[in-house]
Amino acid sequence: MIYTVTLNPAIDYVVRLGDTLRAGGINRSMQEDYEFGGKGINVSRVLHALGVSSAALGFVAGFTGEGLEQGLRGMGLDTRFIRLPEGMTRINVKLKAGEETEINGMGPRISPEDMDRLYAQLETIGEGDVLVLSGSVPAGLPEDTYARIMARVSGRGVRVVVDASGPLLESALALQPFLIKPNHIELGGIFGRTLDTDEEIESCARSLQAMGARNVLVSMAARGALLLDEHGRTHRIACPAGQVVNSVGAGDSMVAGFLAGYLESGDYSHALRLGTAAGSATAFSVGLAQREQIERLLAESC
């Protein structure tokens, strides 16, 4: 079973205003949409599109949390969120008017007692399960939160995926995550460098392997992706041809596709192809990718 953790999910409220945003004045919306957001939630949604079961874990609060959970269940997702007694699940407002302006909500406070409830949920997972830890953590939680979660499942045969940056990722490396997925900018940031070539990216990825990561998947936007697998092999793939519409969720889709491909075949090359197809399909779409799009791009890469 795959379990995804989203500690600070959100409802993304997208408002399209035309060409300009009038600061200090009245703006009238031309189009409005909403999405149930959060990196782990995105992974679960794309897994569901690919026919792979997962359980979405995390925290929700208030009427917005109820709406988010009901919406995801309406899509067919298995949600097991912990309901917090105070606060509300955040709403992120994205104003599209020539350029995009974002206002991201804070989200509810998560107490140590709340984290203990999450740890209790994790007691049920074990050999062969996959745990996906994605995105940032809410204010008030320590920068080694993912490492603490990993320590709770250590020694039980759980494959842990960490898709994060900065101290959240770096503190998790010593616990030997099955997969990490930095993009090339995040990878360079860890080492205080700008990475321009495949050789530079591979060198830094190998350093993360030396620090504990089993498999390192580096997404490189239009340049495709590079994977260093746990057997010492380097895999490189180009991005399929297509027009990028919106890159939000593309990295999460890549994680979902990679996991679906690996669990299906046990083959890292196939996992990389399916991951790249899923990530690209989302980048070429207004929302998250659908199965038909992913399968079409996968067929083109074979």
Foldseek 3Di string as FASTA:
>chain_A
DEEEEFAAKEKEKEFEQEADDDPPDDTDTPDIDIDGGGLSLLLQLLLVLVVHAYEYEYEFEDPRSVVSVVVSVVSVHHYDYDYDDDDGRWYKYWYHHNHIDIDTDQGDDQDPVNVVVVLVVVVPDAAPYEYEYEDDHGPPDDLCVQLVSLVSHQPRNYAYEYEYADSNVLNNQQSAHAEYEEAQVRLCVVVVHRDDDPVSSVVSQVVSVVSHYQKYWYQHPQQAIWIQHNVRDIDGDGADDADFDDQVSLQSQLVSQLVVQCVVPVDNNSSSLLSRLQSNQCRRDPHGHGPVSSVVSSVVRD
